[in-house]
Amino acid sequence: MLEWSRQWLLEGDIVRCPYCHNYQPLSRGHRVFVHQEQCKGASFVEQYPWRWLAWNLRSL
């Protein structure tokens, strides 16, 4: 969870990139996250933040 929270911001039912501030609602969680051009967040390995969050929470 710590690594997830370094790369993403959770605001209600949206996930936001802390660098370019683009966002993705939960309803589009099955799609790859789209960053603004030249965003350093685009270089992160994980680009499905909702899936990654669900994976992290699975054991709760």
N, C-alpha and C. Protein backbone atom coordinates (compact mmCIF):
# COMPACT_ATOMS: atom_id res chain seq x y z
N MET A 1 0.81 -1.19 0.00
CA MET A 1 0.00 0.00 0.00
C MET A 1 0.86 1.26 0.00
N LEU A 2 2.01 1.19 0.67
CA LEU A 2 2.87 2.38 0.68
C LEU A 2 3.33 2.76 -0.73
N GLU A 3 3.73 1.77 -1.50
CA GLU A 3 4.18 2.05 -2.86
C GLU A 3 3.02 2.58 -3.70
N TRP A 4 1.84 2.01 -3.54
CA TRP A 4 0.67 2.48 -4.28
C TRP A 4 0.41 3.95 -3.97
N SER A 5 0.46 4.30 -2.70
CA SER A 5 0.15 5.68 -2.30
C SER A 5 1.24 6.67 -2.69
N ARG A 6 2.42 6.19 -3.04
CA ARG A 6 3.47 7.08 -3.57
C ARG A 6 3.21 7.43 -5.03
N GLN A 7 2.48 6.55 -5.72
CA GLN A 7 2.27 6.74 -7.15
C GLN A 7 0.89 7.25 -7.51
N TRP A 8 -0.06 7.15 -6.58
CA TRP A 8 -1.45 7.52 -6.90
C TRP A 8 -2.10 8.25 -5.74
N LEU A 9 -3.11 9.04 -6.06
CA LEU A 9 -3.94 9.71 -5.06
C LEU A 9 -5.35 9.18 -5.20
N LEU A 10 -5.98 8.81 -4.10
CA LEU A 10 -7.35 8.34 -4.11
C LEU A 10 -8.23 9.45 -3.60
N GLU A 11 -9.19 9.86 -4.41
CA GLU A 11 -10.12 10.93 -4.05
C GLU A 11 -11.54 10.45 -4.31
N GLY A 12 -12.14 9.87 -3.29
CA GLY A 12 -13.48 9.31 -3.45
C GLY A 12 -13.44 8.13 -4.40
N ASP A 13 -14.14 8.25 -5.53
CA ASP A 13 -14.16 7.15 -6.49
C ASP A 13 -13.32 7.44 -7.73
N ILE A 14 -12.31 8.30 -7.56
CA ILE A 14 -11.36 8.52 -8.65
C ILE A 14 -9.93 8.33 -8.14
N VAL A 15 -9.06 7.93 -9.04
CA VAL A 15 -7.63 7.85 -8.79
C VAL A 15 -6.98 8.95 -9.61
N ARG A 16 -6.06 9.66 -9.01
CA ARG A 16 -5.40 10.78 -9.68
C ARG A 16 -3.90 10.59 -9.66
N CYS A 17 -3.26 10.97 -10.75
CA CYS A 17 -1.79 10.98 -10.80
C CYS A 17 -1.31 12.23 -10.07
N PRO A 18 -0.39 12.09 -9.13
CA PRO A 18 0.09 13.26 -8.39
C PRO A 18 0.99 14.18 -9.21
N TYR A 19 1.38 13.75 -10.38
CA TYR A 19 2.30 14.54 -11.21
C TYR A 19 1.57 15.34 -12.29
N CYS A 20 0.74 14.69 -13.08
CA CYS A 20 0.04 15.41 -14.15
C CYS A 20 -1.41 15.74 -13.77
N HIS A 21 -1.89 15.17 -12.69
CA HIS A 21 -3.23 15.40 -12.15
C HIS A 21 -4.36 14.85 -13.02
N ASN A 22 -4.03 14.05 -14.03
CA ASN A 22 -5.09 13.34 -14.75
C ASN A 22 -5.74 12.38 -13.78
N TYR A 23 -6.96 12.00 -14.08
CA TYR A 23 -7.68 11.12 -13.17
C TYR A 23 -8.41 10.02 -13.93
N GLN A 24 -8.81 9.01 -13.17
CA GLN A 24 -9.55 7.89 -13.73
C GLN A 24 -10.62 7.48 -12.73
N PRO A 25 -11.88 7.46 -13.15
CA PRO A 25 -12.94 6.99 -12.25
C PRO A 25 -12.90 5.47 -12.12
N LEU A 26 -13.49 4.98 -11.07
CA LEU A 26 -13.55 3.54 -10.83
C LEU A 26 -14.19 2.81 -12.01
N SER A 27 -15.16 3.42 -12.64
CA SER A 27 -15.86 2.77 -13.76
C SER A 27 -14.94 2.50 -14.96
N ARG A 28 -13.78 3.13 -15.01
CA ARG A 28 -12.82 2.90 -16.09
C ARG A 28 -11.57 2.18 -15.58
N GLY A 29 -11.69 1.55 -14.43
CA GLY A 29 -10.56 0.88 -13.81
C GLY A 29 -10.00 -0.28 -14.61
N HIS A 30 -10.76 -0.80 -15.54
CA HIS A 30 -10.29 -1.90 -16.38
C HIS A 30 -9.41 -1.41 -17.53
N ARG A 31 -9.30 -0.10 -17.69
CA ARG A 31 -8.47 0.49 -18.76
C ARG A 31 -7.16 1.01 -18.20
N VAL A 32 -6.17 1.08 -19.07
CA VAL A 32 -4.88 1.64 -18.67
C VAL A 32 -5.07 3.12 -18.32
N PHE A 33 -4.34 3.60 -17.34
CA PHE A 33 -4.41 5.00 -16.94
C PHE A 33 -3.72 5.85 -18.00
N VAL A 34 -4.36 6.96 -18.38
CA VAL A 34 -3.81 7.85 -19.41
C VAL A 34 -3.25 9.09 -18.72
N HIS A 35 -1.95 9.28 -18.87
CA HIS A 35 -1.27 10.45 -18.32
C HIS A 35 -1.17 11.54 -19.38
N GLN A 36 -0.90 12.77 -18.93
CA GLN A 36 -0.60 13.84 -19.86
C GLN A 36 0.77 13.58 -20.48
N GLU A 37 0.98 14.16 -21.64
CA GLU A 37 2.25 13.99 -22.35
C GLU A 37 3.42 14.42 -21.47
N GLN A 38 4.45 13.62 -21.45
CA GLN A 38 5.70 13.85 -20.72
C GLN A 38 5.54 13.81 -19.19
N CYS A 39 4.49 13.19 -18.70
CA CYS A 39 4.31 13.03 -17.26
C CYS A 39 5.28 11.97 -16.76
N LYS A 40 5.97 12.26 -15.67
CA LYS A 40 6.91 11.26 -15.15
C LYS A 40 6.18 10.07 -14.54
N GLY A 41 4.93 10.20 -14.23
CA GLY A 41 4.14 9.08 -13.73
C GLY A 41 3.88 8.03 -14.80
N ALA A 42 3.99 8.40 -16.05
CA ALA A 42 3.77 7.46 -17.15
C ALA A 42 4.86 6.39 -17.19
N SER A 43 5.97 6.63 -16.54
CA SER A 43 7.06 5.65 -16.56
C SER A 43 6.90 4.58 -15.46
N PHE A 44 5.92 4.71 -14.60
CA PHE A 44 5.69 3.70 -13.57
C PHE A 44 5.36 2.37 -14.22
N VAL A 45 5.76 1.32 -13.59
CA VAL A 45 5.50 -0.02 -14.12
C VAL A 45 4.01 -0.31 -14.14
N GLU A 46 3.31 0.00 -13.07
CA GLU A 46 1.90 -0.32 -12.96
C GLU A 46 1.03 0.82 -13.48
N GLN A 47 0.25 0.57 -14.51
CA GLN A 47 -0.60 1.60 -15.08
C GLN A 47 -2.09 1.26 -14.98
N TYR A 48 -2.41 0.29 -14.11
CA TYR A 48 -3.79 -0.05 -13.79
C TYR A 48 -3.98 0.17 -12.29
N PRO A 49 -4.10 1.43 -11.86
CA PRO A 49 -4.11 1.71 -10.42
C PRO A 49 -5.26 1.06 -9.67
N TRP A 50 -6.42 0.93 -10.28
CA TRP A 50 -7.55 0.30 -9.58
C TRP A 50 -7.30 -1.18 -9.36
N ARG A 51 -6.76 -1.85 -10.33
CA ARG A 51 -6.43 -3.28 -10.17
C ARG A 51 -5.38 -3.47 -9.09
N TRP A 52 -4.38 -2.60 -9.11
CA TRP A 52 -3.31 -2.69 -8.13
C TRP A 52 -3.86 -2.43 -6.72
N LEU A 53 -4.75 -1.46 -6.59
CA LEU A 53 -5.35 -1.18 -5.28
C LEU A 53 -6.16 -2.38 -4.81
N ALA A 54 -6.95 -2.96 -5.67
CA ALA A 54 -7.74 -4.15 -5.31
C ALA A 54 -6.84 -5.28 -4.88
N TRP A 55 -5.74 -5.48 -5.58
CA TRP A 55 -4.81 -6.55 -5.23
C TRP A 55 -4.24 -6.30 -3.83
N ASN A 56 -3.91 -5.04 -3.53
CA ASN A 56 -3.36 -4.71 -2.21
C ASN A 56 -4.38 -4.90 -1.09
N LEU A 57 -5.64 -4.70 -1.39
CA LEU A 57 -6.68 -4.80 -0.37
C LEU A 57 -7.29 -6.18 -0.23
N ARG A 58 -6.89 -7.11 -1.06
CA ARG A 58 -7.52 -8.43 -1.09
C ARG A 58 -7.46 -9.19 0.22
N SER A 59 -6.45 -8.94 1.02
CA SER A 59 -6.29 -9.72 2.24
C SER A 59 -6.99 -9.07 3.46
N LEU A 60 -7.62 -7.95 3.27
CA LEU A 60 -8.30 -7.30 4.41
C LEU A 60 -9.64 -7.94 4.71
